[in-house]
C-alpha atoms as a PDB file:
ATOM      1  CA  MET A   1      10.289  19.664 -48.771  1.00  0.00           C
ATOM      2  CA  GLY A   2       8.561  16.592 -47.390  1.00  0.00           C
ATOM      3  CA  ALA A   3       5.182  15.998 -45.813  1.00  0.00           C
ATOM      4  CA  PHE A   4       4.206  16.989 -42.283  1.00  0.00           C
ATOM      5  CA  TYR A   5       1.261  15.258 -40.618  1.00  0.00           C
ATOM      6  CA  THR A   6      -0.077  13.691 -37.464  1.00  0.00           C
ATOM      7  CA  ASN A   7      -2.967  11.352 -36.920  1.00  0.00           C
ATOM      8  CA  VAL A   8      -4.485   9.031 -34.381  1.00  0.00           C
ATOM      9  CA  VAL A   9      -5.959   5.701 -35.437  1.00  0.00           C
ATOM     10  CA  ILE A  10      -8.555   4.239 -33.080  1.00  0.00           C
ATOM     11  CA  ARG A  11      -9.746   0.636 -32.934  1.00  0.00           C
ATOM     12  CA  ASP A  12     -13.305  -0.535 -32.284  1.00  0.00           C
ATOM     13  CA  CYS A  13     -15.005   2.825 -31.666  1.00  0.00           C
ATOM     14  CA  GLU A  14     -17.574   4.524 -33.817  1.00  0.00           C
ATOM     15  CA  GLN A  15     -17.007   7.906 -35.438  1.00  0.00           C
ATOM     16  CA  GLN A  16     -19.780   9.599 -33.427  1.00  0.00           C
ATOM     17  CA  GLN A  17     -18.467   8.325 -30.086  1.00  0.00           C
ATOM     18  CA  ILE A  18     -14.997   9.714 -30.873  1.00  0.00           C
ATOM     19  CA  ALA A  19     -16.349  13.027 -32.191  1.00  0.00           C
ATOM     20  CA  ASP A  20     -18.478  13.456 -29.054  1.00  0.00           C
ATOM     21  CA  PHE A  21     -15.448  12.985 -26.800  1.00  0.00           C
ATOM     22  CA  LEU A  22     -13.324  15.420 -28.832  1.00  0.00           C
ATOM     23  CA  ARG A  23     -16.104  18.013 -28.767  1.00  0.00           C
ATOM     24  CA  GLN A  24     -16.518  17.543 -25.005  1.00  0.00           C
ATOM     25  CA  GLU A  25     -12.771  18.173 -24.617  1.00  0.00           C
ATOM     26  CA  GLY A  26     -12.997  21.337 -26.726  1.00  0.00           C
ATOM     27  CA  LEU A  27     -10.764  19.926 -29.463  1.00  0.00           C
ATOM     28  CA  VAL A  28     -11.122  20.619 -33.174  1.00  0.00           C
ATOM     29  CA  ALA A  29     -10.604  17.598 -35.389  1.00  0.00           C
ATOM     30  CA  TYR A  30     -11.618  15.770 -38.517  1.00  0.00           C
ATOM     31  CA  VAL A  31     -12.865  12.287 -37.638  1.00  0.00           C
ATOM     32  CA  SER A  32     -12.998   9.855 -40.535  1.00  0.00           C
ATOM     33  CA  PRO A  33     -15.820   7.380 -41.015  1.00  0.00           C
ATOM     34  CA  THR A  34     -15.180   4.092 -39.217  1.00  0.00           C
ATOM     35  CA  VAL A  35     -14.090   1.400 -41.695  1.00  0.00           C
ATOM     36  CA  ASP A  36     -13.541  -2.230 -40.652  1.00  0.00           C
ATOM     37  CA  GLY A  37     -13.335  -1.136 -36.995  1.00  0.00           C
ATOM     38  CA  TRP A  38     -10.736   1.635 -37.548  1.00  0.00           C
ATOM     39  CA  THR A  39     -11.281   5.405 -37.311  1.00  0.00           C
ATOM     40  CA  VAL A  40      -8.678   8.071 -38.064  1.00  0.00           C
ATOM     41  CA  VAL A  41      -8.549  11.397 -36.199  1.00  0.00           C
ATOM     42  CA  TYR A  42      -6.723  14.467 -37.484  1.00  0.00           C
ATOM     43  CA  GLU A  43      -6.691  16.863 -34.516  1.00  0.00           C
ATOM     44  CA  ARG A  44      -5.714  20.488 -35.117  1.00  0.00           C
ATOM     45  CA  GLY A  45      -3.561  20.975 -31.996  1.00  0.00           C
ATOM     46  CA  SER A  46      -1.363  17.983 -32.777  1.00  0.00           C
ATOM     47  CA  GLU A  47      -0.446  19.505 -36.128  1.00  0.00           C
ATOM     48  CA  THR A  48       2.016  21.753 -34.268  1.00  0.00           C
ATOM     49  CA  GLN A  49       4.322  18.712 -34.540  1.00  0.00           C
ATOM     50  CA  ARG A  50       5.001  18.827 -30.803  1.00  0.00           C
ATOM     51  CA  GLU A  51       5.279  15.273 -29.551  1.00  0.00           C
ATOM     52  CA  GLY A  52       3.716  15.885 -26.143  1.00  0.00           C
ATOM     53  CA  VAL A  53       0.483  17.199 -27.654  1.00  0.00           C
ATOM     54  CA  LEU A  54      -0.043  14.086 -29.754  1.00  0.00           C
ATOM     55  CA  GLU A  55       1.017  11.734 -26.956  1.00  0.00           C
ATOM     56  CA  GLN A  56      -1.463  13.271 -24.525  1.00  0.00           C
ATOM     57  CA  LEU A  57      -4.256  13.151 -27.084  1.00  0.00           C
ATOM     58  CA  ALA A  58      -3.600   9.467 -27.807  1.00  0.00           C
ATOM     59  CA  ALA A  59      -3.411   8.568 -24.119  1.00  0.00           C
ATOM     60  CA  ARG A  60      -6.641  10.441 -23.304  1.00  0.00           C
ATOM     61  CA  LEU A  61      -8.530   8.922 -26.229  1.00  0.00           C
ATOM     62  CA  SER A  62      -7.321   5.429 -25.359  1.00  0.00           C
ATOM     63  CA  ALA A  63      -8.217   5.774 -21.674  1.00  0.00           C
ATOM     64  CA  HIS A  64     -11.640   7.359 -22.242  1.00  0.00           C
ATOM     65  CA  LEU A  65     -12.662   5.039 -25.073  1.00  0.00           C
ATOM     66  CA  GLU A  66     -11.049   2.000 -23.388  1.00  0.00           C
ATOM     67  CA  THR A  67      -9.439   0.816 -26.601  1.00  0.00           C
ATOM     68  CA  VAL A  68      -6.272   0.629 -28.687  1.00  0.00           C
ATOM     69  CA  VAL A  69      -4.982   3.894 -30.128  1.00  0.00           C
ATOM     70  CA  PHE A  70      -2.025   4.337 -32.477  1.00  0.00           C
ATOM     71  CA  ALA A  71      -0.667   7.899 -32.910  1.00  0.00           C
ATOM     72  CA  VAL A  72       1.728   8.833 -35.723  1.00  0.00           C
ATOM     73  CA  LEU A  73       3.839  11.937 -36.337  1.00  0.00           C
ATOM     74  CA  ASN A  74       5.662  12.408 -39.659  1.00  0.00           C
ATOM     75  CA  HIS A  75       7.996  15.410 -39.761  1.00  0.00           C
ATOM     76  CA  ASP A  76       9.187  16.511 -43.199  1.00  0.00           C
ATOM     77  CA  ASP A  77       9.338  12.867 -44.341  1.00  0.00           C
ATOM     78  CA  ASP A  78      12.590  12.671 -42.338  1.00  0.00           C
ATOM     79  CA  ILE A  79      11.362  11.780 -38.860  1.00  0.00           C
ATOM     80  CA  LEU A  80       8.768   9.215 -37.861  1.00  0.00           C
ATOM     81  CA  CYS A  81       7.384   8.893 -34.351  1.00  0.00           C
ATOM     82  CA  TYR A  82       4.596   6.677 -33.087  1.00  0.00           C
ATOM     83  CA  TRP A  83       2.907   5.784 -29.812  1.00  0.00           C
ATOM     84  CA  GLN A  84       0.634   2.817 -29.164  1.00  0.00           C
ATOM     85  CA  TYR A  85      -1.743   2.909 -26.210  1.00  0.00           C
ATOM     86  CA  GLU A  86      -4.247   0.417 -24.888  1.00  0.00           C
ATOM     87  CA  ARG A  87      -6.813   1.602 -22.342  1.00  0.00           C
ATOM     88  CA  GLY A  88      -4.599   4.603 -21.543  1.00  0.00           C
ATOM     89  CA  THR A  89      -1.400   2.610 -21.012  1.00  0.00           C
ATOM     90  CA  LEU A  90       1.584   3.166 -23.306  1.00  0.00           C
ATOM     91  CA  LEU A  91       2.503  -0.172 -24.908  1.00  0.00           C
ATOM     92  CA  ASP A  92       5.077   0.902 -27.487  1.00  0.00           C
ATOM     93  CA  GLN A  93       6.725   3.981 -28.909  1.00  0.00           C
ATOM     94  CA  TYR A  94       9.294   4.831 -31.551  1.00  0.00           C
ATOM     95  CA  ASN A  95      11.187   7.955 -32.589  1.00  0.00           C
ATOM     96  CA  SER A  96      13.547   7.752 -35.551  1.00  0.00           C
ATOM     97  CA  ALA A  97      15.464  10.850 -34.372  1.00  0.00           C
ATOM     98  CA  PRO A  98      15.042  11.172 -30.601  1.00  0.00           C
ATOM     99  CA  SER A  99      17.256  14.232 -30.159  1.00  0.00           C
ATOM    100  CA  TYR A 100      15.676  16.256 -32.977  1.00  0.00           C
ATOM    101  CA  PHE A 101      12.746  17.736 -31.064  1.00  0.00           C
ATOM    102  CA  CYS A 102      14.321  17.967 -27.652  1.00  0.00           C
ATOM    103  CA  GLY A 103      17.047  19.990 -26.141  1.00  0.00           C
ATOM    104  CA  PRO A 104      17.662  21.118 -22.623  1.00  0.00           C
ATOM    105  CA  ASP A 105      14.556  20.970 -20.477  1.00  0.00           C
ATOM    106  CA  VAL A 106      13.118  24.501 -20.516  1.00  0.00           C
ATOM    107  CA  ALA A 107      11.780  24.046 -16.974  1.00  0.00           C
ATOM    108  CA  ALA A 108      15.268  23.089 -15.767  1.00  0.00           C
ATOM    109  CA  ILE A 109      16.758  26.166 -17.431  1.00  0.00           C
ATOM    110  CA  ALA A 110      14.096  28.403 -15.879  1.00  0.00           C
ATOM    111  CA  SER A 111      14.696  26.848 -12.454  1.00  0.00           C
ATOM    112  CA  TYR A 112      18.441  27.381 -12.733  1.00  0.00           C
ATOM    113  CA  LEU A 113      18.036  30.998 -13.793  1.00  0.00           C
ATOM    114  CA  MET A 114      15.601  31.737 -10.946  1.00  0.00           C
ATOM    115  CA  GLN A 115      17.877  30.094  -8.354  1.00  0.00           C
ATOM    116  CA  HIS A 116      20.661  32.411  -9.474  1.00  0.00           C
ATOM    117  CA  SER A 117      18.449  35.530  -9.630  1.00  0.00           C
ATOM    118  CA  LEU A 118      18.785  35.873 -13.386  1.00  0.00           C
ATOM    119  CA  TRP A 119      15.888  37.269 -15.416  1.00  0.00           C
ATOM    120  CA  ALA A 120      15.507  35.779 -18.853  1.00  0.00           C
ATOM    121  CA  PHE A 121      13.166  35.067 -21.732  1.00  0.00           C
ATOM    122  CA  LEU A 122      13.075  31.422 -22.851  1.00  0.00           C
ATOM    123  CA  SER A 123      11.926  30.257 -26.238  1.00  0.00           C
ATOM    124  CA  PRO A 124      10.288  26.866 -26.788  1.00  0.00           C
ATOM    125  CA  THR A 125      12.744  24.128 -27.717  1.00  0.00           C
ATOM    126  CA  ILE A 126      12.844  23.824 -31.502  1.00  0.00           C
ATOM    127  CA  ARG A 127      15.142  21.407 -33.313  1.00  0.00           C
ATOM    128  CA  GLY A 128      17.082  20.846 -30.102  1.00  0.00           C
ATOM    129  CA  PHE A 129      17.695  24.525 -29.304  1.00  0.00           C
ATOM    130  CA  THR A 130      16.295  26.686 -26.537  1.00  0.00           C
ATOM    131  CA  VAL A 131      17.107  30.388 -26.738  1.00  0.00           C
ATOM    132  CA  VAL A 132      17.856  32.110 -23.453  1.00  0.00           C
ATOM    133  CA  TYR A 133      17.999  35.883 -23.491  1.00  0.00           C
ATOM    134  CA  GLU A 134      19.285  37.063 -20.141  1.00  0.00           C
ATOM    135  CA  GLN A 135      18.135  40.637 -19.684  1.00  0.00           C
ATOM    136  CA  ARG A 136      21.299  41.761 -17.953  1.00  0.00           C
ATOM    137  CA  SER A 137      23.717  40.039 -20.374  1.00  0.00           C
ATOM    138  CA  GLU A 138      24.788  43.396 -21.787  1.00  0.00           C
ATOM    139  CA  ALA A 139      26.096  44.223 -18.314  1.00  0.00           C
ATOM    140  CA  LEU A 140      27.893  40.902 -17.931  1.00  0.00           C
ATOM    141  CA  GLY A 141      31.562  40.920 -18.769  1.00  0.00           C
ATOM    142  CA  GLN A 142      32.972  38.287 -21.085  1.00  0.00           C
ATOM    143  CA  GLN A 143      34.283  36.234 -18.156  1.00  0.00           C
ATOM    144  CA  ASP A 144      30.890  36.345 -16.409  1.00  0.00           C
ATOM    145  CA  LEU A 145      29.096  35.274 -19.590  1.00  0.00           C
ATOM    146  CA  ALA A 146      31.560  32.402 -20.051  1.00  0.00           C
ATOM    147  CA  LEU A 147      31.050  31.386 -16.407  1.00  0.00           C
ATOM    148  CA  LEU A 148      27.257  31.464 -16.833  1.00  0.00           C
ATOM    149  CA  ALA A 149      27.510  29.310 -19.992  1.00  0.00           C
ATOM    150  CA  ASN A 150      29.767  26.790 -18.218  1.00  0.00           C
ATOM    151  CA  ARG A 151      27.457  26.585 -15.196  1.00  0.00           C
ATOM    152  CA  LEU A 152      24.371  26.097 -17.371  1.00  0.00           C
ATOM    153  CA  SER A 153      26.161  23.394 -19.344  1.00  0.00           C
ATOM    154  CA  ASP A 154      27.258  21.533 -16.202  1.00  0.00           C
ATOM    155  CA  GLU A 155      23.949  21.939 -14.347  1.00  0.00           C
ATOM    156  CA  LEU A 156      21.739  20.901 -17.260  1.00  0.00           C
ATOM    157  CA  ALA A 157      24.102  18.406 -18.928  1.00  0.00           C
ATOM    158  CA  CYS A 158      23.744  20.044 -22.308  1.00  0.00           C
ATOM    159  CA  ALA A 159      25.682  22.028 -24.842  1.00  0.00           C
ATOM    160  CA  VAL A 160      25.567  25.806 -24.386  1.00  0.00           C
ATOM    161  CA  PHE A 161      26.521  28.426 -26.918  1.00  0.00           C
ATOM    162  CA  ALA A 162      26.600  31.939 -25.476  1.00  0.00           C
ATOM    163  CA  VAL A 163      26.813  35.023 -27.678  1.00  0.00           C
ATOM    164  CA  GLN A 164      27.212  38.633 -26.632  1.00  0.00           C
ATOM    165  CA  ASN A 165      27.117  41.670 -28.896  1.00  0.00           C
ATOM    166  CA  VAL A 166      28.408  44.850 -27.298  1.00  0.00           C
ATOM    167  CA  GLU A 167      28.717  47.808 -29.627  1.00  0.00           C
ATOM    168  CA  ASN A 168      28.994  45.480 -32.652  1.00  0.00           C
ATOM    169  CA  GLU A 169      31.827  43.500 -31.077  1.00  0.00           C
ATOM    170  CA  ILE A 170      30.883  39.832 -30.842  1.00  0.00           C
ATOM    171  CA  PHE A 171      32.029  37.580 -28.020  1.00  0.00           C
ATOM    172  CA  TRP A 172      31.006  33.938 -27.916  1.00  0.00           C
ATOM    173  CA  LYS A 173      31.609  30.964 -25.670  1.00  0.00           C
ATOM    174  CA  SER A 174      30.766  27.377 -26.487  1.00  0.00           C
ATOM    175  CA  CYS A 175      30.907  24.645 -23.868  1.00  0.00           C
ATOM    176  CA  THR A 176      29.651  21.110 -23.492  1.00  0.00           C
ATOM    177  CA  SER A 177      29.063  19.226 -20.293  1.00  0.00           C
ATOM    178  CA  VAL A 178      30.870  15.915 -19.971  1.00  0.00           C
ATOM    179  CA  ALA A 179      27.494  14.242 -19.356  1.00  0.00           C
ATOM    180  CA  TYR A 180      26.044  15.506 -22.661  1.00  0.00           C
END
């Protein structure tokens, strides 16, 4: 098992100035001493390894402190992501495995389900998968479940794998949109 970490490196700002901003924002973080103009921030919320959390933190720090900020995410020593901001503007970014953390847009799935009067629980996207549990799926026949999977795949341009367990008999349907 590899290392997991995130950090934000800030240029030309003092430790106290950064700590004051983080405290004002209600964030919990370790702020290193400033050495040769560089300060490192290890913020608790970004340790969830969710890219958006770290990106937003870096952008906010860069904009508020009016400086250069470099945010890094290392996931299991397999995936490296970074974002470079200057005065709140994204200058550069890199992700060594762009499809690893993302899958179908959960908001798009929710929108589709609501438009079609389907009630479901959605999990957060993890390793490219979002779990959709449609509350009435037990009542759906195999053809209806297959149709739902095909429609989701086409509408969201993603792969869909639908599974149904009725009285210990498993039915599954896998489909992939052409656009995926």
